[in-house]
Amino acid sequence: GCQHFEASQFMAYQRHIDTAAYLILWQVGITGDIHSRRLSTNPAYVELLVEVLGADYPAEHRVTVYEAATLAIAPPRIETLALRDLASVPLTLQSTLIVPPARRMLSNALVKSKLDALEQQFRAA
C-alpha cells in the first residue's frame, strides 16, 4: 500500500498512518505553510515535521527526498538520509519525501481462513 499527503496538511491534522506501507509527503519544501503564503520553509518547520513523523518512525529511519527531473538533460534528485537529518538538507517546492515502511505487514489469519473457505466453497460450485 501507499499513503499520500501534502506535508503541511499531514502535520496540521491527526492522521493514522500505516507504517507497514509507504508514506509519500508532497511539497516538503514549504512544510508548515498551512495558509499557502510562502514559497520556501525554515528548518524549524522541517524539524517539526520530523517530530511529527517521529511518533511513528525511529530517528534513524531512512527516508528519500525526491525531485523529478524538469529537463530531459537534467537528472532527478534522489537523496536518501536518516529522518533526523531531514532539516539539514535543502528542500524546494518540487521536493517530495518518500518514507518507506518501518515494519512488515501483519497477517490477518482470521480473514485469510475465511477467504480460504470461500475459495473452497466457490471452487466446488
PDB file of N, CA and C in Angstrom:
ATOM      1  N   GLY A   1       0.810  -1.186   0.000  1.00  0.00           N
ATOM      2  CA  GLY A   1       0.000   0.000   0.000  1.00  0.00           C
ATOM      3  C   GLY A   1       0.858   1.255   0.000  1.00  0.00           C
ATOM      4  N   CYS A   2       0.183   2.369  -0.180  1.00  0.00           N
ATOM      5  CA  CYS A   2       0.865   3.655  -0.241  1.00  0.00           C
ATOM      6  C   CYS A   2      -0.097   4.745   0.224  1.00  0.00           C
ATOM      7  N   GLN A   3       0.421   5.682   1.002  1.00  0.00           N
ATOM      8  CA  GLN A   3      -0.375   6.800   1.506  1.00  0.00           C
ATOM      9  C   GLN A   3       0.251   8.093   1.016  1.00  0.00           C
ATOM     10  N   HIS A   4      -0.567   9.025   0.558  1.00  0.00           N
ATOM     11  CA  HIS A   4      -0.075  10.302   0.022  1.00  0.00           C
ATOM     12  C   HIS A   4      -0.738  11.456   0.766  1.00  0.00           C
ATOM     13  N   PHE A   5       0.076  12.420   1.199  1.00  0.00           N
ATOM     14  CA  PHE A   5      -0.442  13.612   1.857  1.00  0.00           C
ATOM     15  C   PHE A   5       0.409  14.819   1.491  1.00  0.00           C
ATOM     16  N   GLU A   6      -0.192  15.988   1.476  1.00  0.00           N
ATOM     17  CA  GLU A   6       0.564  17.231   1.388  1.00  0.00           C
ATOM     18  C   GLU A   6       1.197  17.417   2.765  1.00  0.00           C
ATOM     19  N   ALA A   7       2.472  17.789   2.816  1.00  0.00           N
ATOM     20  CA  ALA A   7       3.239  17.782   4.067  1.00  0.00           C
ATOM     21  C   ALA A   7       2.614  18.648   5.164  1.00  0.00           C
ATOM     22  N   SER A   8       2.205  19.859   4.839  1.00  0.00           N
ATOM     23  CA  SER A   8       1.648  20.749   5.864  1.00  0.00           C
ATOM     24  C   SER A   8       0.313  20.232   6.379  1.00  0.00           C
ATOM     25  N   GLN A   9      -0.508  19.705   5.488  1.00  0.00           N
ATOM     26  CA  GLN A   9      -1.787  19.133   5.909  1.00  0.00           C
ATOM     27  C   GLN A   9      -1.550  17.919   6.807  1.00  0.00           C
ATOM     28  N   PHE A  10      -0.564  17.121   6.434  1.00  0.00           N
ATOM     29  CA  PHE A  10      -0.220  15.951   7.242  1.00  0.00           C
ATOM     30  C   PHE A  10       0.137  16.370   8.665  1.00  0.00           C
ATOM     31  N   MET A  11       0.863  17.470   8.792  1.00  0.00           N
ATOM     32  CA  MET A  11       1.280  17.947  10.109  1.00  0.00           C
ATOM     33  C   MET A  11       0.119  18.541  10.903  1.00  0.00           C
ATOM     34  N   ALA A  12      -0.768  19.248  10.234  1.00  0.00           N
ATOM     35  CA  ALA A  12      -1.808  20.025  10.907  1.00  0.00           C
ATOM     36  C   ALA A  12      -3.008  19.196  11.361  1.00  0.00           C
ATOM     37  N   TYR A  13      -3.151  18.005  10.816  1.00  0.00           N
ATOM     38  CA  TYR A  13      -4.295  17.161  11.152  1.00  0.00           C
ATOM     39  C   TYR A  13      -3.815  15.828  11.703  1.00  0.00           C
ATOM     40  N   GLN A  14      -4.596  15.256  12.582  1.00  0.00           N
ATOM     41  CA  GLN A  14      -4.246  13.958  13.151  1.00  0.00           C
ATOM     42  C   GLN A  14      -4.496  12.879  12.110  1.00  0.00           C
ATOM     43  N   ARG A  15      -3.445  12.226  11.711  1.00  0.00           N
ATOM     44  CA  ARG A  15      -3.529  11.167  10.707  1.00  0.00           C
ATOM     45  C   ARG A  15      -3.138   9.846  11.345  1.00  0.00           C
ATOM     46  N   HIS A  16      -3.833   8.802  10.974  1.00  0.00           N
ATOM     47  CA  HIS A  16      -3.471   7.456  11.394  1.00  0.00           C
ATOM     48  C   HIS A  16      -2.806   6.802  10.199  1.00  0.00           C
ATOM     49  N   ILE A  17      -1.498   6.698  10.253  1.00  0.00           N
ATOM     50  CA  ILE A  17      -0.779   6.148   9.114  1.00  0.00           C
ATOM     51  C   ILE A  17      -0.423   4.694   9.371  1.00  0.00           C
ATOM     52  N   ASP A  18      -0.256   3.974   8.293  1.00  0.00           N
ATOM     53  CA  ASP A  18       0.132   2.573   8.332  1.00  0.00           C
ATOM     54  C   ASP A  18       1.629   2.510   8.076  1.00  0.00           C
ATOM     55  N   THR A  19       2.404   2.241   9.109  1.00  0.00           N
ATOM     56  CA  THR A  19       3.856   2.220   8.957  1.00  0.00           C
ATOM     57  C   THR A  19       4.362   0.966   8.250  1.00  0.00           C
ATOM     58  N   ALA A  20       3.446   0.095   7.829  1.00  0.00           N
ATOM     59  CA  ALA A  20       3.819  -1.063   7.016  1.00  0.00           C
ATOM     60  C   ALA A  20       3.681  -0.735   5.530  1.00  0.00           C
ATOM     61  N   ALA A  21       3.296   0.488   5.222  1.00  0.00           N
ATOM     62  CA  ALA A  21       3.129   0.933   3.832  1.00  0.00           C
ATOM     63  C   ALA A  21       3.980   2.180   3.605  1.00  0.00           C
ATOM     64  N   TYR A  22       4.232   2.478   2.351  1.00  0.00           N
ATOM     65  CA  TYR A  22       4.964   3.701   2.007  1.00  0.00           C
ATOM     66  C   TYR A  22       4.134   4.922   2.379  1.00  0.00           C
ATOM     67  N   LEU A  23       4.812   5.972   2.805  1.00  0.00           N
ATOM     68  CA  LEU A  23       4.198   7.270   3.067  1.00  0.00           C
ATOM     69  C   LEU A  23       4.877   8.271   2.144  1.00  0.00           C
ATOM     70  N   ILE A  24       4.087   8.983   1.344  1.00  0.00           N
ATOM     71  CA  ILE A  24       4.598   9.993   0.416  1.00  0.00           C
ATOM     72  C   ILE A  24       4.072  11.353   0.876  1.00  0.00           C
ATOM     73  N   LEU A  25       4.988  12.279   1.127  1.00  0.00           N
ATOM     74  CA  LEU A  25       4.603  13.643   1.512  1.00  0.00           C
ATOM     75  C   LEU A  25       5.067  14.608   0.434  1.00  0.00           C
ATOM     76  N   TRP A  26       4.121  15.350  -0.141  1.00  0.00           N
ATOM     77  CA  TRP A  26       4.442  16.308  -1.197  1.00  0.00           C
ATOM     78  C   TRP A  26       4.726  17.661  -0.579  1.00  0.00           C
ATOM     79  N   GLN A  27       5.416  18.447  -1.343  1.00  0.00           N
ATOM     80  CA  GLN A  27       5.694  19.849  -1.013  1.00  0.00           C
ATOM     81  C   GLN A  27       6.378  20.020   0.343  1.00  0.00           C
ATOM     82  N   VAL A  28       7.368  19.172   0.620  1.00  0.00           N
ATOM     83  CA  VAL A  28       8.095  19.321   1.888  1.00  0.00           C
ATOM     84  C   VAL A  28       8.936  20.592   1.897  1.00  0.00           C
ATOM     85  N   GLY A  29       9.149  21.195   0.740  1.00  0.00           N
ATOM     86  CA  GLY A  29       9.885  22.455   0.659  1.00  0.00           C
ATOM     87  C   GLY A  29       9.118  23.643   1.200  1.00  0.00           C
ATOM     88  N   ILE A  30       7.818  23.465   1.450  1.00  0.00           N
ATOM     89  CA  ILE A  30       7.019  24.514   2.090  1.00  0.00           C
ATOM     90  C   ILE A  30       6.310  23.944   3.325  1.00  0.00           C
ATOM     91  N   THR A  31       6.968  22.988   3.952  1.00  0.00           N
ATOM     92  CA  THR A  31       6.441  22.365   5.164  1.00  0.00           C
ATOM     93  C   THR A  31       6.039  23.417   6.190  1.00  0.00           C
ATOM     94  N   GLY A  32       4.846  23.256   6.734  1.00  0.00           N
ATOM     95  CA  GLY A  32       4.357  24.152   7.776  1.00  0.00           C
ATOM     96  C   GLY A  32       3.561  25.334   7.272  1.00  0.00           C
ATOM     97  N   ASP A  33       3.481  25.517   5.965  1.00  0.00           N
ATOM     98  CA  ASP A  33       2.749  26.657   5.394  1.00  0.00           C
ATOM     99  C   ASP A  33       1.275  26.291   5.252  1.00  0.00           C
ATOM    100  N   ILE A  34       0.540  26.357   6.347  1.00  0.00           N
ATOM    101  CA  ILE A  34      -0.866  25.954   6.305  1.00  0.00           C
ATOM    102  C   ILE A  34      -1.777  27.035   5.721  1.00  0.00           C
ATOM    103  N   HIS A  35      -1.231  28.215   5.445  1.00  0.00           N
ATOM    104  CA  HIS A  35      -2.031  29.301   4.873  1.00  0.00           C
ATOM    105  C   HIS A  35      -1.661  29.606   3.423  1.00  0.00           C
ATOM    106  N   SER A  36      -0.795  28.805   2.826  1.00  0.00           N
ATOM    107  CA  SER A  36      -0.365  28.971   1.422  1.00  0.00           C
ATOM    108  C   SER A  36       0.160  30.378   1.150  1.00  0.00           C
ATOM    109  N   ARG A  37       1.109  30.816   1.962  1.00  0.00           N
ATOM    110  CA  ARG A  37       1.658  32.163   1.820  1.00  0.00           C
ATOM    111  C   ARG A  37       3.148  32.183   1.506  1.00  0.00           C
ATOM    112  N   ARG A  38       3.821  31.029   1.548  1.00  0.00           N
ATOM    113  CA  ARG A  38       5.269  31.013   1.384  1.00  0.00           C
ATOM    114  C   ARG A  38       5.690  30.158   0.201  1.00  0.00           C
ATOM    115  N   LEU A  39       6.900  30.393  -0.270  1.00  0.00           N
ATOM    116  CA  LEU A  39       7.466  29.599  -1.360  1.00  0.00           C
ATOM    117  C   LEU A  39       8.675  28.793  -0.888  1.00  0.00           C
ATOM    118  N   SER A  40       8.950  28.844   0.408  1.00  0.00           N
ATOM    119  CA  SER A  40      10.054  28.073   0.981  1.00  0.00           C
ATOM    120  C   SER A  40       9.724  27.834   2.450  1.00  0.00           C
ATOM    121  N   THR A  41      10.582  27.074   3.109  1.00  0.00           N
ATOM    122  CA  THR A  41      10.354  26.801   4.528  1.00  0.00           C
ATOM    123  C   THR A  41      11.630  27.043   5.313  1.00  0.00           C
ATOM    124  N   ASN A  42      11.481  27.134   6.596  1.00  0.00           N
ATOM    125  CA  ASN A  42      12.595  27.295   7.519  1.00  0.00           C
ATOM    126  C   ASN A  42      12.884  25.922   8.130  1.00  0.00           C
ATOM    127  N   PRO A  43      14.149  25.608   8.406  1.00  0.00           N
ATOM    128  CA  PRO A  43      14.451  24.307   9.013  1.00  0.00           C
ATOM    129  C   PRO A  43      13.658  24.014  10.291  1.00  0.00           C
ATOM    130  N   ALA A  44      13.235  25.039  11.014  1.00  0.00           N
ATOM    131  CA  ALA A  44      12.442  24.816  12.229  1.00  0.00           C
ATOM    132  C   ALA A  44      11.128  24.109  11.901  1.00  0.00           C
ATOM    133  N   TYR A  45      10.524  24.447  10.756  1.00  0.00           N
ATOM    134  CA  TYR A  45       9.293  23.782  10.337  1.00  0.00           C
ATOM    135  C   TYR A  45       9.571  22.328   9.960  1.00  0.00           C
ATOM    136  N   VAL A  46      10.706  22.105   9.331  1.00  0.00           N
ATOM    137  CA  VAL A  46      11.077  20.740   8.946  1.00  0.00           C
ATOM    138  C   VAL A  46      11.360  19.916  10.202  1.00  0.00           C
ATOM    139  N   GLU A  47      11.975  20.533  11.205  1.00  0.00           N
ATOM    140  CA  GLU A  47      12.198  19.834  12.482  1.00  0.00           C
ATOM    141  C   GLU A  47      10.867  19.426  13.110  1.00  0.00           C
ATOM    142  N   LEU A  48       9.859  20.279  12.973  1.00  0.00           N
ATOM    143  CA  LEU A  48       8.537  19.926  13.492  1.00  0.00           C
ATOM    144  C   LEU A  48       7.961  18.745  12.713  1.00  0.00           C
ATOM    145  N   LEU A  49       8.152  18.729  11.400  1.00  0.00           N
ATOM    146  CA  LEU A  49       7.718  17.580  10.599  1.00  0.00           C
ATOM    147  C   LEU A  49       8.434  16.314  11.072  1.00  0.00           C
ATOM    148  N   VAL A  50       9.729  16.413  11.313  1.00  0.00           N
ATOM    149  CA  VAL A  50      10.497  15.264  11.820  1.00  0.00           C
ATOM    150  C   VAL A  50       9.929  14.811  13.167  1.00  0.00           C
ATOM    151  N   GLU A  51       9.565  15.760  14.007  1.00  0.00           N
ATOM    152  CA  GLU A  51       8.964  15.427  15.305  1.00  0.00           C
ATOM    153  C   GLU A  51       7.646  14.683  15.119  1.00  0.00           C
ATOM    154  N   VAL A  52       6.811  15.168  14.200  1.00  0.00           N
ATOM    155  CA  VAL A  52       5.525  14.510  13.931  1.00  0.00           C
ATOM    156  C   VAL A  52       5.764  13.093  13.411  1.00  0.00           C
ATOM    157  N   LEU A  53       6.665  12.957  12.453  1.00  0.00           N
ATOM    158  CA  LEU A  53       6.974  11.631  11.910  1.00  0.00           C
ATOM    159  C   LEU A  53       7.613  10.740  12.969  1.00  0.00           C
ATOM    160  N   GLY A  54       8.338  11.345  13.902  1.00  0.00           N
ATOM    161  CA  GLY A  54       8.996  10.592  14.959  1.00  0.00           C
ATOM    162  C   GLY A  54       8.043   9.864  15.889  1.00  0.00           C
ATOM    163  N   ALA A  55       6.773  10.226  15.861  1.00  0.00           N
ATOM    164  CA  ALA A  55       5.783   9.490  16.649  1.00  0.00           C
ATOM    165  C   ALA A  55       5.588   8.076  16.101  1.00  0.00           C
ATOM    166  N   ASP A  56       5.920   7.884  14.821  1.00  0.00           N
ATOM    167  CA  ASP A  56       5.705   6.587  14.176  1.00  0.00           C
ATOM    168  C   ASP A  56       6.966   5.948  13.607  1.00  0.00           C
ATOM    169  N   TYR A  57       8.010   6.728  13.435  1.00  0.00           N
ATOM    170  CA  TYR A  57       9.242   6.229  12.811  1.00  0.00           C
ATOM    171  C   TYR A  57      10.440   6.569  13.690  1.00  0.00           C
ATOM    172  N   PRO A  58      11.428   5.673  13.765  1.00  0.00           N
ATOM    173  CA  PRO A  58      12.633   5.991  14.535  1.00  0.00           C
ATOM    174  C   PRO A  58      13.467   7.069  13.839  1.00  0.00           C
ATOM    175  N   ALA A  59      14.253   7.797  14.610  1.00  0.00           N
ATOM    176  CA  ALA A  59      15.069   8.896  14.070  1.00  0.00           C
ATOM    177  C   ALA A  59      16.033   8.422  12.996  1.00  0.00           C
ATOM    178  N   GLU A  60      16.496   7.186  13.080  1.00  0.00           N
ATOM    179  CA  GLU A  60      17.448   6.665  12.095  1.00  0.00           C
ATOM    180  C   GLU A  60      16.772   6.069  10.857  1.00  0.00           C
ATOM    181  N   HIS A  61      15.445   6.089  10.817  1.00  0.00           N
ATOM    182  CA  HIS A  61      14.723   5.542   9.657  1.00  0.00           C
ATOM    183  C   HIS A  61      15.171   6.263   8.385  1.00  0.00           C
ATOM    184  N   ARG A  62      15.482   5.512   7.354  1.00  0.00           N
ATOM    185  CA  ARG A  62      15.971   6.086   6.097  1.00  0.00           C
ATOM    186  C   ARG A  62      14.788   6.604   5.279  1.00  0.00           C
ATOM    187  N   VAL A  63      14.879   7.851   4.843  1.00  0.00           N
ATOM    188  CA  VAL A  63      13.865   8.490   4.002  1.00  0.00           C
ATOM    189  C   VAL A  63      14.558   9.025   2.758  1.00  0.00           C
ATOM    190  N   THR A  64      13.777   9.323   1.736  1.00  0.00           N
ATOM    191  CA  THR A  64      14.349   9.822   0.484  1.00  0.00           C
ATOM    192  C   THR A  64      13.668  11.116   0.072  1.00  0.00           C
ATOM    193  N   VAL A  65      14.482  12.125  -0.228  1.00  0.00           N
ATOM    194  CA  VAL A  65      13.983  13.359  -0.843  1.00  0.00           C
ATOM    195  C   VAL A  65      14.082  13.135  -2.346  1.00  0.00           C
ATOM    196  N   TYR A  66      12.950  13.283  -3.026  1.00  0.00           N
ATOM    197  CA  TYR A  66      12.903  13.041  -4.472  1.00  0.00           C
ATOM    198  C   TYR A  66      12.411  14.295  -5.178  1.00  0.00           C
ATOM    199  N   GLU A  67      13.081  14.642  -6.255  1.00  0.00           N
ATOM    200  CA  GLU A  67      12.633  15.724  -7.138  1.00  0.00           C
ATOM    201  C   GLU A  67      12.754  15.207  -8.563  1.00  0.00           C
ATOM    202  N   ALA A  68      11.650  15.193  -9.269  1.00  0.00           N
ATOM    203  CA  ALA A  68      11.659  14.731 -10.657  1.00  0.00           C
ATOM    204  C   ALA A  68      12.487  15.678 -11.516  1.00  0.00           C
ATOM    205  N   ALA A  69      13.101  15.131 -12.536  1.00  0.00           N
ATOM    206  CA  ALA A  69      13.843  15.960 -13.491  1.00  0.00           C
ATOM    207  C   ALA A  69      12.851  16.839 -14.241  1.00  0.00           C
ATOM    208  N   THR A  70      13.180  18.103 -14.383  1.00  0.00           N
ATOM    209  CA  THR A  70      12.297  19.018 -15.110  1.00  0.00           C
ATOM    210  C   THR A  70      12.781  19.268 -16.530  1.00  0.00           C
ATOM    211  N   LEU A  71      13.975  18.814 -16.841  1.00  0.00           N
ATOM    212  CA  LEU A  71      14.529  18.911 -18.193  1.00  0.00           C
ATOM    213  C   LEU A  71      15.028  17.533 -18.607  1.00  0.00           C
ATOM    214  N   ALA A  72      14.958  17.247 -19.884  1.00  0.00           N
ATOM    215  CA  ALA A  72      15.412  15.948 -20.381  1.00  0.00           C
ATOM    216  C   ALA A  72      16.899  15.720 -20.126  1.00  0.00           C
ATOM    217  N   ILE A  73      17.655  16.791 -20.007  1.00  0.00           N
ATOM    218  CA  ILE A  73      19.102  16.659 -19.802  1.00  0.00           C
ATOM    219  C   ILE A  73      19.503  16.724 -18.326  1.00  0.00           C
ATOM    220  N   ALA A  74      18.531  16.907 -17.447  1.00  0.00           N
ATOM    221  CA  ALA A  74      18.822  17.018 -16.016  1.00  0.00           C
ATOM    222  C   ALA A  74      18.433  15.725 -15.305  1.00  0.00           C
ATOM    223  N   PRO A  75      19.244  15.289 -14.367  1.00  0.00           N
ATOM    224  CA  PRO A  75      18.894  14.080 -13.616  1.00  0.00           C
ATOM    225  C   PRO A  75      17.890  14.404 -12.507  1.00  0.00           C
ATOM    226  N   PRO A  76      17.162  13.407 -12.044  1.00  0.00           N
ATOM    227  CA  PRO A  76      16.305  13.641 -10.877  1.00  0.00           C
ATOM    228  C   PRO A  76      17.172  13.744  -9.624  1.00  0.00           C
ATOM    229  N   ARG A  77      16.613  14.290  -8.582  1.00  0.00           N
ATOM    230  CA  ARG A  77      17.305  14.298  -7.288  1.00  0.00           C
ATOM    231  C   ARG A  77      16.744  13.140  -6.469  1.00  0.00           C
ATOM    232  N   ILE A  78      17.609  12.282  -6.026  1.00  0.00           N
ATOM    233  CA  ILE A  78      17.228  11.153  -5.181  1.00  0.00           C
ATOM    234  C   ILE A  78      18.250  11.111  -4.051  1.00  0.00           C
ATOM    235  N   GLU A  79      17.878  11.657  -2.906  1.00  0.00           N
ATOM    236  CA  GLU A  79      18.804  11.780  -1.777  1.00  0.00           C
ATOM    237  C   GLU A  79      18.232  11.046  -0.567  1.00  0.00           C
ATOM    238  N   THR A  80      18.925  10.002  -0.150  1.00  0.00           N
ATOM    239  CA  THR A  80      18.472   9.193   0.979  1.00  0.00           C
ATOM    240  C   THR A  80      19.279   9.548   2.226  1.00  0.00           C
ATOM    241  N   LEU A  81      18.573   9.718   3.341  1.00  0.00           N
ATOM    242  CA  LEU A  81      19.202  10.135   4.585  1.00  0.00           C
ATOM    243  C   LEU A  81      18.370   9.666   5.762  1.00  0.00           C
ATOM    244  N   ALA A  82      18.921   9.780   6.959  1.00  0.00           N
ATOM    245  CA  ALA A  82      18.173   9.458   8.170  1.00  0.00           C
ATOM    246  C   ALA A  82      17.104  10.527   8.390  1.00  0.00           C
ATOM    247  N   LEU A  83      15.956  10.116   8.883  1.00  0.00           N
ATOM    248  CA  LEU A  83      14.869  11.055   9.155  1.00  0.00           C
ATOM    249  C   LEU A  83      15.358  12.218  10.008  1.00  0.00           C
ATOM    250  N   ARG A  84      16.163  11.953  11.011  1.00  0.00           N
ATOM    251  CA  ARG A  84      16.640  13.010  11.919  1.00  0.00           C
ATOM    252  C   ARG A  84      17.425  14.101  11.199  1.00  0.00           C
ATOM    253  N   ASP A  85      17.976  13.798  10.013  1.00  0.00           N
ATOM    254  CA  ASP A  85      18.802  14.751   9.268  1.00  0.00           C
ATOM    255  C   ASP A  85      18.027  15.551   8.222  1.00  0.00           C
ATOM    256  N   LEU A  86      16.727  15.356   8.144  1.00  0.00           N
ATOM    257  CA  LEU A  86      15.934  15.984   7.082  1.00  0.00           C
ATOM    258  C   LEU A  86      16.049  17.508   7.073  1.00  0.00           C
ATOM    259  N   ALA A  87      16.086  18.143   8.222  1.00  0.00           N
ATOM    260  CA  ALA A  87      16.142  19.613   8.276  1.00  0.00           C
ATOM    261  C   ALA A  87      17.486  20.167   7.822  1.00  0.00           C
ATOM    262  N   SER A  88      18.477  19.309   7.637  1.00  0.00           N
ATOM    263  CA  SER A  88      19.811  19.784   7.253  1.00  0.00           C
ATOM    264  C   SER A  88      20.056  19.763   5.745  1.00  0.00           C
ATOM    265  N   VAL A  89      19.077  19.317   4.968  1.00  0.00           N
ATOM    266  CA  VAL A  89      19.260  19.283   3.513  1.00  0.00           C
ATOM    267  C   VAL A  89      18.360  20.328   2.857  1.00  0.00           C
ATOM    268  N   PRO A  90      18.779  20.872   1.706  1.00  0.00           N
ATOM    269  CA  PRO A  90      17.928  21.849   1.024  1.00  0.00           C
ATOM    270  C   PRO A  90      16.659  21.195   0.484  1.00  0.00           C
ATOM    271  N   LEU A  91      15.550  21.889   0.658  1.00  0.00           N
ATOM    272  CA  LEU A  91      14.263  21.415   0.145  1.00  0.00           C
ATOM    273  C   LEU A  91      13.662  22.504  -0.729  1.00  0.00           C
ATOM    274  N   THR A  92      13.011  22.105  -1.809  1.00  0.00           N
ATOM    275  CA  THR A  92      12.401  23.055  -2.740  1.00  0.00           C
ATOM    276  C   THR A  92      10.914  22.759  -2.874  1.00  0.00           C
ATOM    277  N   LEU A  93      10.235  23.602  -3.648  1.00  0.00           N
ATOM    278  CA  LEU A  93       8.816  23.348  -3.914  1.00  0.00           C
ATOM    279  C   LEU A  93       8.597  21.999  -4.585  1.00  0.00           C
ATOM    280  N   GLN A  94       9.599  21.521  -5.302  1.00  0.00           N
ATOM    281  CA  GLN A  94       9.475  20.253  -6.021  1.00  0.00           C
ATOM    282  C   GLN A  94       9.797  19.040  -5.153  1.00  0.00           C
ATOM    283  N   SER A  95      10.288  19.252  -3.957  1.00  0.00           N
ATOM    284  CA  SER A  95      10.724  18.134  -3.111  1.00  0.00           C
ATOM    285  C   SER A  95       9.545  17.307  -2.607  1.00  0.00           C
ATOM    286  N   THR A  96       9.684  16.013  -2.772  1.00  0.00           N
ATOM    287  CA  THR A  96       8.734  15.038  -2.253  1.00  0.00           C
ATOM    288  C   THR A  96       9.500  14.148  -1.288  1.00  0.00           C
ATOM    289  N   LEU A  97       8.882  13.806  -0.175  1.00  0.00           N
ATOM    290  CA  LEU A  97       9.531  12.932   0.800  1.00  0.00           C
ATOM    291  C   LEU A  97       8.929  11.540   0.703  1.00  0.00           C
ATOM    292  N   ILE A  98       9.796  10.562   0.533  1.00  0.00           N
ATOM    293  CA  ILE A  98       9.368   9.167   0.461  1.00  0.00           C
ATOM    294  C   ILE A  98       9.819   8.486   1.745  1.00  0.00           C
ATOM    295  N   VAL A  99       8.841   7.990   2.493  1.00  0.00           N
ATOM    296  CA  VAL A  99       9.121   7.302   3.749  1.00  0.00           C
ATOM    297  C   VAL A  99       8.755   5.834   3.550  1.00  0.00           C
ATOM    298  N   PRO A 100       9.750   4.959   3.459  1.00  0.00           N
ATOM    299  CA  PRO A 100       9.445   3.544   3.246  1.00  0.00           C
ATOM    300  C   PRO A 100       8.864   2.896   4.504  1.00  0.00           C
ATOM    301  N   PRO A 101       8.292   1.722   4.355  1.00  0.00           N
ATOM    302  CA  PRO A 101       7.718   1.038   5.519  1.00  0.00           C
ATOM    303  C   PRO A 101       8.742   0.856   6.639  1.00  0.00           C
ATOM    304  N   ALA A 102       8.260   0.967   7.866  1.00  0.00           N
ATOM    305  CA  ALA A 102       9.112   0.784   9.040  1.00  0.00           C
ATOM    306  C   ALA A 102       8.927  -0.601   9.654  1.00  0.00           C
ATOM    307  N   ARG A 103       7.919  -1.307   9.201  1.00  0.00           N
ATOM    308  CA  ARG A 103       7.654  -2.641   9.737  1.00  0.00           C
ATOM    309  C   ARG A 103       7.003  -3.497   8.656  1.00  0.00           C
ATOM    310  N   ARG A 104       6.971  -4.781   8.902  1.00  0.00           N
ATOM    311  CA  ARG A 104       6.317  -5.701   7.966  1.00  0.00           C
ATOM    312  C   ARG A 104       4.807  -5.658   8.178  1.00  0.00           C
ATOM    313  N   MET A 105       4.084  -6.020   7.130  1.00  0.00           N
ATOM    314  CA  MET A 105       2.634  -6.119   7.260  1.00  0.00           C
ATOM    315  C   MET A 105       2.293  -7.258   8.218  1.00  0.00           C
ATOM    316  N   LEU A 106       1.203  -7.095   8.954  1.00  0.00           N
ATOM    317  CA  LEU A 106       0.739  -8.133   9.862  1.00  0.00           C
ATOM    318  C   LEU A 106      -0.367  -8.927   9.175  1.00  0.00           C
ATOM    319  N   SER A 107      -0.190 -10.215   9.147  1.00  0.00           N
ATOM    320  CA  SER A 107      -1.169 -11.086   8.517  1.00  0.00           C
ATOM    321  C   SER A 107      -2.442 -11.150   9.358  1.00  0.00           C
ATOM    322  N   ASN A 108      -3.577 -11.229   8.691  1.00  0.00           N
ATOM    323  CA  ASN A 108      -4.861 -11.370   9.367  1.00  0.00           C
ATOM    324  C   ASN A 108      -5.321 -12.812   9.168  1.00  0.00           C
ATOM    325  N   ALA A 109      -4.943 -13.683  10.095  1.00  0.00           N
ATOM    326  CA  ALA A 109      -5.216 -15.117   9.970  1.00  0.00           C
ATOM    327  C   ALA A 109      -6.705 -15.412   9.886  1.00  0.00           C
ATOM    328  N   LEU A 110      -7.519 -14.687  10.631  1.00  0.00           N
ATOM    329  CA  LEU A 110      -8.963 -14.929  10.610  1.00  0.00           C
ATOM    330  C   LEU A 110      -9.540 -14.666   9.224  1.00  0.00           C
ATOM    331  N   VAL A 111      -9.198 -13.545   8.636  1.00  0.00           N
ATOM    332  CA  VAL A 111      -9.715 -13.219   7.303  1.00  0.00           C
ATOM    333  C   VAL A 111      -9.146 -14.178   6.267  1.00  0.00           C
ATOM    334  N   LYS A 112      -7.885 -14.535   6.393  1.00  0.00           N
ATOM    335  CA  LYS A 112      -7.295 -15.483   5.442  1.00  0.00           C
ATOM    336  C   LYS A 112      -8.009 -16.827   5.485  1.00  0.00           C
ATOM    337  N   SER A 113      -8.366 -17.298   6.681  1.00  0.00           N
ATOM    338  CA  SER A 113      -9.083 -18.575   6.767  1.00  0.00           C
ATOM    339  C   SER A 113     -10.472 -18.461   6.151  1.00  0.00           C
ATOM    340  N   LYS A 114     -11.124 -17.322   6.323  1.00  0.00           N
ATOM    341  CA  LYS A 114     -12.440 -17.113   5.702  1.00  0.00           C
ATOM    342  C   LYS A 114     -12.315 -17.044   4.184  1.00  0.00           C
ATOM    343  N   LEU A 115     -11.254 -16.411   3.690  1.00  0.00           N
ATOM    344  CA  LEU A 115     -11.025 -16.370   2.243  1.00  0.00           C
ATOM    345  C   LEU A 115     -10.785 -17.773   1.700  1.00  0.00           C
ATOM    346  N   ASP A 116     -10.009 -18.580   2.426  1.00  0.00           N
ATOM    347  CA  ASP A 116      -9.779 -19.964   2.009  1.00  0.00           C
ATOM    348  C   ASP A 116     -11.086 -20.740   1.960  1.00  0.00           C
ATOM    349  N   ALA A 117     -11.945 -20.551   2.966  1.00  0.00           N
ATOM    350  CA  ALA A 117     -13.238 -21.240   2.994  1.00  0.00           C
ATOM    351  C   ALA A 117     -14.102 -20.818   1.814  1.00  0.00           C
ATOM    352  N   LEU A 118     -14.119 -19.526   1.518  1.00  0.00           N
ATOM    353  CA  LEU A 118     -14.890 -19.050   0.362  1.00  0.00           C
ATOM    354  C   LEU A 118     -14.329 -19.619  -0.933  1.00  0.00           C
ATOM    355  N   GLU A 119     -13.019 -19.687  -1.024  1.00  0.00           N
ATOM    356  CA  GLU A 119     -12.382 -20.249  -2.217  1.00  0.00           C
ATOM    357  C   GLU A 119     -12.812 -21.700  -2.406  1.00  0.00           C
ATOM    358  N   GLN A 120     -12.811 -22.464  -1.329  1.00  0.00           N
ATOM    359  CA  GLN A 120     -13.243 -23.863  -1.402  1.00  0.00           C
ATOM    360  C   GLN A 120     -14.716 -23.958  -1.792  1.00  0.00           C
ATOM    361  N   GLN A 121     -15.531 -23.094  -1.216  1.00  0.00           N
ATOM    362  CA  GLN A 121     -16.974 -23.098  -1.486  1.00  0.00           C
ATOM    363  C   GLN A 121     -17.253 -22.812  -2.952  1.00  0.00           C
ATOM    364  N   PHE A 122     -16.614 -21.808  -3.504  1.00  0.00           N
ATOM    365  CA  PHE A 122     -16.912 -21.419  -4.880  1.00  0.00           C
ATOM    366  C   PHE A 122     -16.172 -22.265  -5.900  1.00  0.00           C
ATOM    367  N   ARG A 123     -15.110 -22.914  -5.501  1.00  0.00           N
ATOM    368  CA  ARG A 123     -14.419 -23.832  -6.403  1.00  0.00           C
ATOM    369  C   ARG A 123     -15.285 -25.076  -6.618  1.00  0.00           C
ATOM    370  N   ALA A 124     -15.999 -25.490  -5.566  1.00  0.00           N
ATOM    371  CA  ALA A 124     -16.858 -26.674  -5.647  1.00  0.00           C
ATOM    372  C   ALA A 124     -18.125 -26.397  -6.450  1.00  0.00           C
ATOM    373  N   ALA A 125     -18.501 -25.152  -6.557  1.00  0.00           N
ATOM    374  CA  ALA A 125     -19.759 -24.799  -7.244  1.00  0.00           C
ATOM    375  C   ALA A 125     -19.648 -24.885  -8.748  1.00  0.00           C
TER     376      ALA A 125
END
